[in-house]
Amino acid sequence: MRESMDDEPDDLTYINRRALDGEALAHVHRRLDSAHEIIHETRERMIIVNNLLVEHIERDKEMKPALEELTTLWKGSKLIIPILSAVAISLAGAWAWVKTEFFK
């Protein structure tokens, strides 16, 4: 159990401890204020990120059908490109044959 204030020693240790307690308390308050500022800044950034995500999701809903159509066209082009290249090669071969046979 703690002794009464009258029984405390009068040496400098007790006085310095009491003064440091005030400084320590002020330090704790400064750190809490700093933590509060960091939390506030983090909250503001999270609100910005949330707004950006909401906007992105809305755009995604609008663009999804167009992207699906582009994907379908791209998949279809995988078949069309070989067919068109075969036709182009055939036409080039036919033109070369006609040129050598009829335009000597």
C-alpha atoms as a PDB file:
ATOM      1  CA  MET A   1       0.000   0.000   0.000  1.00  0.00           C
ATOM      2  CA  ARG A   2       1.289   3.459  -0.826  1.00  0.00           C
ATOM      3  CA  GLU A   3       2.335   5.745   1.936  1.00  0.00           C
ATOM      4  CA  SER A   4       0.811   9.197   2.277  1.00  0.00           C
ATOM      5  CA  MET A   5       2.302  12.250   0.585  1.00  0.00           C
ATOM      6  CA  ASP A   6       3.792  13.411   3.870  1.00  0.00           C
ATOM      7  CA  ASP A   7       5.889  10.254   4.068  1.00  0.00           C
ATOM      8  CA  GLU A   8       7.424  10.724   0.577  1.00  0.00           C
ATOM      9  CA  PRO A   9      11.150  11.430   0.572  1.00  0.00           C
ATOM     10  CA  ASP A  10      12.208  14.980  -0.143  1.00  0.00           C
ATOM     11  CA  ASP A  11      15.040  14.000  -2.433  1.00  0.00           C
ATOM     12  CA  LEU A  12      15.368  15.017  -6.091  1.00  0.00           C
ATOM     13  CA  THR A  13      14.393  11.577  -7.353  1.00  0.00           C
ATOM     14  CA  TYR A  14      10.802  12.055  -6.293  1.00  0.00           C
ATOM     15  CA  ILE A  15      10.667  15.585  -7.733  1.00  0.00           C
ATOM     16  CA  ASN A  16      12.191  14.489 -11.063  1.00  0.00           C
ATOM     17  CA  ARG A  17       9.826  11.530 -11.263  1.00  0.00           C
ATOM     18  CA  ARG A  18       6.844  13.846 -10.759  1.00  0.00           C
ATOM     19  CA  ALA A  19       8.170  16.243 -13.443  1.00  0.00           C
ATOM     20  CA  LEU A  20       8.827  13.375 -15.856  1.00  0.00           C
ATOM     21  CA  ASP A  21       5.325  12.101 -15.302  1.00  0.00           C
ATOM     22  CA  GLY A  22       4.002  15.392 -16.677  1.00  0.00           C
ATOM     23  CA  GLU A  23       6.417  15.267 -19.595  1.00  0.00           C
ATOM     24  CA  ALA A  24       5.564  11.644 -20.251  1.00  0.00           C
ATOM     25  CA  LEU A  25       1.877  12.484 -20.212  1.00  0.00           C
ATOM     26  CA  ALA A  26       2.450  15.330 -22.657  1.00  0.00           C
ATOM     27  CA  HIS A  27       4.427  12.934 -24.868  1.00  0.00           C
ATOM     28  CA  VAL A  28       1.587  10.426 -24.772  1.00  0.00           C
ATOM     29  CA  HIS A  29      -0.863  13.170 -25.758  1.00  0.00           C
ATOM     30  CA  ARG A  30       1.384  14.220 -28.678  1.00  0.00           C
ATOM     31  CA  ARG A  31       1.580  10.633 -29.875  1.00  0.00           C
ATOM     32  CA  LEU A  32      -2.175  10.214 -29.575  1.00  0.00           C
ATOM     33  CA  ASP A  33      -2.688  13.421 -31.556  1.00  0.00           C
ATOM     34  CA  SER A  34      -0.276  12.158 -34.193  1.00  0.00           C
ATOM     35  CA  ALA A  35      -2.072   8.803 -34.335  1.00  0.00           C
ATOM     36  CA  HIS A  36      -5.399  10.621 -34.625  1.00  0.00           C
ATOM     37  CA  GLU A  37      -4.080  12.640 -37.595  1.00  0.00           C
ATOM     38  CA  ILE A  38      -2.797   9.485 -39.284  1.00  0.00           C
ATOM     39  CA  ILE A  39      -6.135   7.746 -38.753  1.00  0.00           C
ATOM     40  CA  HIS A  40      -7.972  10.771 -40.138  1.00  0.00           C
ATOM     41  CA  GLU A  41      -5.743  10.873 -43.255  1.00  0.00           C
ATOM     42  CA  THR A  42      -6.160   7.116 -43.728  1.00  0.00           C
ATOM     43  CA  ARG A  43      -9.934   7.462 -43.456  1.00  0.00           C
ATOM     44  CA  GLU A  44      -9.950  10.226 -46.083  1.00  0.00           C
ATOM     45  CA  ARG A  45      -7.872   8.068 -48.435  1.00  0.00           C
ATOM     46  CA  MET A  46     -10.163   5.095 -47.863  1.00  0.00           C
ATOM     47  CA  ILE A  47     -13.175   7.258 -48.757  1.00  0.00           C
ATOM     48  CA  ILE A  48     -11.424   8.274 -52.002  1.00  0.00           C
ATOM     49  CA  VAL A  49     -10.600   4.633 -52.797  1.00  0.00           C
ATOM     50  CA  ASN A  50     -14.198   3.634 -52.049  1.00  0.00           C
ATOM     51  CA  ASN A  51     -15.524   6.303 -54.417  1.00  0.00           C
ATOM     52  CA  LEU A  52     -13.118   5.176 -57.140  1.00  0.00           C
ATOM     53  CA  LEU A  53     -14.195   1.554 -56.710  1.00  0.00           C
ATOM     54  CA  VAL A  54     -17.879   2.459 -56.895  1.00  0.00           C
ATOM     55  CA  GLU A  55     -17.209   4.464 -60.072  1.00  0.00           C
ATOM     56  CA  HIS A  56     -15.195   1.579 -61.545  1.00  0.00           C
ATOM     57  CA  ILE A  57     -17.976  -0.916 -60.853  1.00  0.00           C
ATOM     58  CA  GLU A  58     -20.533   1.372 -62.496  1.00  0.00           C
ATOM     59  CA  ARG A  59     -18.334   1.722 -65.592  1.00  0.00           C
ATOM     60  CA  ASP A  60     -17.802  -2.022 -65.653  1.00  0.00           C
ATOM     61  CA  LYS A  61     -21.554  -2.606 -65.761  1.00  0.00           C
ATOM     62  CA  GLU A  62     -21.809  -0.276 -68.778  1.00  0.00           C
ATOM     63  CA  MET A  63     -18.807  -1.708 -70.621  1.00  0.00           C
ATOM     64  CA  LYS A  64     -19.349  -5.407 -69.986  1.00  0.00           C
ATOM     65  CA  PRO A  65     -21.664  -6.036 -72.974  1.00  0.00           C
ATOM     66  CA  ALA A  66     -19.305  -4.186 -75.340  1.00  0.00           C
ATOM     67  CA  LEU A  67     -16.302  -6.132 -74.035  1.00  0.00           C
ATOM     68  CA  GLU A  68     -18.147  -9.425 -74.452  1.00  0.00           C
ATOM     69  CA  GLU A  69     -18.983  -8.461 -78.051  1.00  0.00           C
ATOM     70  CA  LEU A  70     -15.338  -7.588 -78.746  1.00  0.00           C
ATOM     71  CA  THR A  71     -14.255 -10.895 -77.247  1.00  0.00           C
ATOM     72  CA  THR A  72     -16.709 -12.756 -79.468  1.00  0.00           C
ATOM     73  CA  LEU A  73     -15.439 -10.900 -82.548  1.00  0.00           C
ATOM     74  CA  TRP A  74     -11.840 -11.634 -81.597  1.00  0.00           C
ATOM     75  CA  LYS A  75     -12.577 -15.334 -81.180  1.00  0.00           C
ATOM     76  CA  GLY A  76     -14.361 -15.311 -84.530  1.00  0.00           C
ATOM     77  CA  SER A  77     -11.421 -13.550 -86.163  1.00  0.00           C
ATOM     78  CA  LYS A  78      -9.222 -16.491 -85.275  1.00  0.00           C
ATOM     79  CA  LEU A  79     -11.203 -18.475 -87.854  1.00  0.00           C
ATOM     80  CA  ILE A  80     -11.682 -15.681 -90.360  1.00  0.00           C
ATOM     81  CA  ILE A  81      -8.015 -14.674 -90.623  1.00  0.00           C
ATOM     82  CA  PRO A  82      -6.790 -18.088 -91.866  1.00  0.00           C
ATOM     83  CA  ILE A  83      -9.676 -18.253 -94.343  1.00  0.00           C
ATOM     84  CA  LEU A  84      -9.017 -14.731 -95.634  1.00  0.00           C
ATOM     85  CA  SER A  85      -5.287 -15.355 -95.877  1.00  0.00           C
ATOM     86  CA  ALA A  86      -5.919 -18.563 -97.861  1.00  0.00           C
ATOM     87  CA  VAL A  87      -8.212 -16.632-100.224  1.00  0.00           C
ATOM     88  CA  ALA A  88      -5.615 -13.857-100.593  1.00  0.00           C
ATOM     89  CA  ILE A  89      -2.852 -16.358-101.347  1.00  0.00           C
ATOM     90  CA  SER A  90      -5.102 -18.093-103.891  1.00  0.00           C
ATOM     91  CA  LEU A  91      -5.906 -14.773-105.585  1.00  0.00           C
ATOM     92  CA  ALA A  92      -2.216 -13.819-105.629  1.00  0.00           C
ATOM     93  CA  GLY A  93      -1.358 -17.190-107.172  1.00  0.00           C
ATOM     94  CA  ALA A  94      -4.133 -16.845-109.751  1.00  0.00           C
ATOM     95  CA  TRP A  95      -2.952 -13.315-110.615  1.00  0.00           C
ATOM     96  CA  ALA A  96       0.626 -14.549-111.015  1.00  0.00           C
ATOM     97  CA  TRP A  97      -0.557 -17.370-113.295  1.00  0.00           C
ATOM     98  CA  VAL A  98      -2.715 -15.017-115.386  1.00  0.00           C
ATOM     99  CA  LYS A  99       0.176 -12.537-115.629  1.00  0.00           C
ATOM    100  CA  THR A 100       2.663 -15.198-116.790  1.00  0.00           C
ATOM    101  CA  GLU A 101       0.245 -16.919-119.198  1.00  0.00           C
ATOM    102  CA  PHE A 102      -1.480 -13.968-120.828  1.00  0.00           C
ATOM    103  CA  PHE A 103       0.883 -11.033-120.430  1.00  0.00           C
ATOM    104  CA  LYS A 104       4.138 -12.459-121.742  1.00  0.00           C
END
